[in-house]
Amino acid sequence: MLTPERPQEKSQIANVLEHSIELFQSTGMSELASKWERILKTYKTQKDKSAL
């Protein structure tokens, strides 16, 4: 059974995504970093919509 995410968990998910993007960029994996940036953008958009 899925449970709703708590605010702290949402923050941790965003932090993991942001750190992953930084890692990919620093290791020259720009294509992968771009994909994860889109995932992060989508995640933030969905999170903002659910807060309304």
Protein backbone atom coordinates (compact mmCIF):
# COMPACT_ATOMS: atom_id res chain seq x y z
CA MET A 1 0.00 0.00 0.00
CA LEU A 2 1.36 3.41 -0.96
CA THR A 3 1.34 6.17 1.60
CA PRO A 4 1.44 9.91 0.93
CA GLU A 5 4.87 11.45 1.06
CA ARG A 6 5.73 13.61 4.03
CA PRO A 7 7.26 17.07 3.45
CA GLN A 8 10.66 15.87 4.70
CA GLU A 9 10.62 12.95 2.26
CA LYS A 10 9.73 15.28 -0.62
CA SER A 11 12.68 17.48 0.28
CA GLN A 12 15.00 14.47 0.42
CA ILE A 13 13.85 13.27 -3.00
CA ALA A 14 14.55 16.68 -4.53
CA ASN A 15 17.98 16.78 -2.83
CA VAL A 16 18.91 13.35 -4.20
CA LEU A 17 17.90 14.40 -7.69
CA GLU A 18 19.86 17.66 -7.43
CA HIS A 19 22.99 15.90 -6.17
CA SER A 20 22.69 13.30 -8.92
CA ILE A 21 22.55 16.05 -11.54
CA GLU A 22 25.68 17.68 -10.07
CA LEU A 23 27.49 14.32 -10.09
CA PHE A 24 26.56 13.60 -13.70
CA GLN A 25 27.66 17.08 -14.79
CA SER A 26 30.97 16.84 -12.93
CA THR A 27 31.76 13.46 -14.50
CA GLY A 28 30.99 14.64 -18.02
CA MET A 29 27.70 12.79 -18.35
CA SER A 30 25.79 15.81 -19.61
CA GLU A 31 23.16 13.80 -21.48
CA LEU A 32 22.27 11.89 -18.33
CA ALA A 33 22.32 15.12 -16.30
CA SER A 34 19.84 16.65 -18.75
CA LYS A 35 17.50 13.70 -18.36
CA TRP A 36 17.63 13.95 -14.59
CA GLU A 37 17.04 17.70 -14.77
CA ARG A 38 13.80 16.99 -16.66
CA ILE A 39 12.84 14.43 -14.01
CA LEU A 40 13.52 16.99 -11.27
CA LYS A 41 11.51 19.66 -13.07
CA THR A 42 8.59 17.25 -13.49
CA TYR A 43 8.84 16.19 -9.85
CA LYS A 44 8.79 19.80 -8.63
CA THR A 45 5.84 20.63 -10.89
CA GLN A 46 3.86 17.66 -9.58
CA LYS A 47 4.81 18.50 -5.99
CA ASP A 48 3.61 22.09 -6.45
CA LYS A 49 0.32 20.92 -7.97
CA SER A 50 -0.31 18.53 -5.06
CA ALA A 51 0.28 21.36 -2.56
CA LEU A 52 -2.69 23.31 -3.95
